[in-house]
């Protein structure tokens, strides 16, 4: 099992994943709402869009924009079950456990924080 930092370092090597950045408006939204609210949104999105064994519209369920967490989901390869399987070996067709969901949320929040602090992933 890899750490959040190891996952972020691995994602940095992907031209596609490393191309995602939060815009000024998205960063302002994160600052306005605060970490707890954004973490709650992330947990809700993961539960709704990734946790089911067979998510609706899998592969197309996560928008590319509209919320900072959506962008984080794409940047972290947590946008669909196919990406979760490819990047993290999370099997398809099996409901995500609460622990798996929490680890995904922690990764998403670490990526968002790296954007807020202006650090490279």
Protein backbone atom coordinates (compact mmCIF):
# COMPACT_ATOMS: atom_id res chain seq x y z
CA UNK A 1 0.00 0.00 0.00
CA UNK A 2 1.41 3.37 -0.98
CA UNK A 3 1.29 6.55 1.06
CA UNK A 4 -0.47 9.71 -0.07
CA UNK A 5 2.89 11.29 -0.88
CA UNK A 6 3.96 8.27 -2.91
CA UNK A 7 0.70 8.46 -4.87
CA UNK A 8 1.15 12.19 -5.49
CA UNK A 9 4.74 11.61 -6.64
CA UNK A 10 3.59 8.90 -9.04
CA UNK A 11 0.84 11.15 -10.44
CA UNK A 12 3.42 13.88 -11.08
CA UNK A 13 5.01 11.64 -13.70
CA UNK A 14 1.83 11.48 -15.78
CA UNK A 15 1.58 14.24 -18.36
CA UNK A 16 -2.23 14.09 -18.22
CA UNK A 17 -2.64 13.94 -14.42
CA UNK A 18 0.01 16.55 -13.73
CA UNK A 19 -1.69 19.03 -16.05
CA UNK A 20 -4.59 19.71 -13.69
CA UNK A 21 -4.49 22.93 -11.67
CA UNK A 22 -7.07 24.71 -9.56
CA UNK A 23 -8.03 28.12 -10.92
CA UNK A 24 -8.12 31.28 -8.83
CA UNK A 25 -11.90 30.98 -8.48
CA UNK A 26 -11.60 27.35 -7.36
CA UNK A 27 -8.91 28.25 -4.83
CA UNK A 28 -11.10 31.08 -3.54
CA UNK A 29 -14.02 28.65 -3.20
CA UNK A 30 -11.86 26.26 -1.17
CA UNK A 31 -10.68 29.12 1.07
CA UNK A 32 -14.23 30.42 1.52
CA UNK A 33 -15.77 27.06 2.39
CA UNK A 34 -12.90 25.75 4.48
CA UNK A 35 -11.24 22.34 4.69
CA UNK A 36 -14.04 20.62 6.63
CA UNK A 37 -16.74 21.55 4.10
CA UNK A 38 -14.56 20.59 1.12
CA UNK A 39 -13.66 17.29 2.81
CA UNK A 40 -17.38 16.66 3.30
CA UNK A 41 -18.02 17.34 -0.39
CA UNK A 42 -15.17 14.98 -1.32
CA UNK A 43 -16.58 12.24 0.92
CA UNK A 44 -20.04 12.70 -0.63
CA UNK A 45 -18.69 12.58 -4.20
CA UNK A 46 -16.57 9.50 -3.49
CA UNK A 47 -19.51 7.75 -1.83
CA UNK A 48 -21.88 8.60 -4.69
CA UNK A 49 -19.59 8.31 -7.72
CA UNK A 50 -16.98 5.69 -6.80
CA UNK A 51 -18.10 3.57 -3.85
CA UNK A 52 -20.84 1.50 -5.52
CA UNK A 53 -19.71 -1.78 -7.05
CA UNK A 54 -21.25 -0.69 -10.35
CA UNK A 55 -21.38 3.15 -10.40
CA UNK A 56 -23.84 4.77 -12.79
CA UNK A 57 -22.13 5.95 -16.00
CA UNK A 58 -18.79 4.55 -14.85
CA UNK A 59 -16.02 6.20 -16.82
CA UNK A 60 -18.09 9.32 -17.36
CA UNK A 61 -19.52 10.00 -13.92
CA UNK A 62 -17.12 12.73 -12.79
CA UNK A 63 -17.30 16.13 -14.50
CA UNK A 64 -14.02 17.79 -15.47
CA UNK A 65 -15.05 21.08 -13.87
CA UNK A 66 -17.70 22.61 -11.66
CA UNK A 67 -16.12 21.85 -8.27
CA UNK A 68 -12.52 21.73 -7.03
CA UNK A 69 -13.02 18.14 -5.87
CA UNK A 70 -13.98 17.06 -9.40
CA UNK A 71 -10.69 18.43 -10.69
CA UNK A 72 -8.85 16.71 -7.82
CA UNK A 73 -10.55 13.43 -8.69
CA UNK A 74 -9.17 13.62 -12.23
CA UNK A 75 -5.73 14.83 -11.12
CA UNK A 76 -5.49 11.94 -8.65
CA UNK A 77 -6.90 9.26 -10.99
CA UNK A 78 -9.89 8.81 -8.71
CA UNK A 79 -12.49 9.79 -11.28
CA UNK A 80 -13.86 6.34 -12.13
CA UNK A 81 -13.45 2.70 -11.21
CA UNK A 82 -11.29 2.11 -14.27
CA UNK A 83 -8.74 4.68 -13.13
CA UNK A 84 -8.88 3.39 -9.56
CA UNK A 85 -8.11 -0.08 -10.89
CA UNK A 86 -5.32 1.07 -13.21
CA UNK A 87 -3.57 3.38 -10.74
CA UNK A 88 -4.30 1.78 -7.37
CA UNK A 89 -5.36 -1.80 -8.20
CA UNK A 90 -8.79 -1.31 -6.67
CA UNK A 91 -10.90 -4.10 -8.16
CA UNK A 92 -13.95 -3.24 -10.21
CA UNK A 93 -17.30 -4.74 -9.31
CA UNK A 94 -16.72 -4.57 -5.55
CA UNK A 95 -18.15 -1.86 -3.32
CA UNK A 96 -15.48 0.36 -1.77
CA UNK A 97 -15.04 -0.05 1.97
CA UNK A 98 -15.27 2.96 4.28
CA UNK A 99 -11.49 2.70 4.74
CA UNK A 100 -10.88 2.81 0.98
CA UNK A 101 -13.21 5.78 0.66
CA UNK A 102 -11.37 7.60 3.45
CA UNK A 103 -7.99 6.98 1.80
CA UNK A 104 -9.31 8.40 -1.48
CA UNK A 105 -10.67 11.48 0.29
CA UNK A 106 -7.32 11.95 2.06
CA UNK A 107 -5.53 11.82 -1.30
CA UNK A 108 -7.93 14.31 -2.85
CA UNK A 109 -7.52 16.69 0.08
CA UNK A 110 -3.72 16.41 -0.06
CA UNK A 111 -3.81 17.33 -3.75
CA UNK A 112 -6.10 20.29 -3.05
CA UNK A 113 -3.81 21.43 -0.23
CA UNK A 114 -0.80 21.18 -2.55
CA UNK A 115 -2.63 23.47 -4.95
CA UNK A 116 -3.48 25.91 -2.17
CA UNK A 117 0.11 26.07 -1.00
CA UNK A 118 1.39 26.42 -4.55
CA UNK A 119 3.55 23.32 -4.30
CA UNK A 120 4.15 20.97 -7.18
CA UNK A 121 2.47 17.64 -6.74
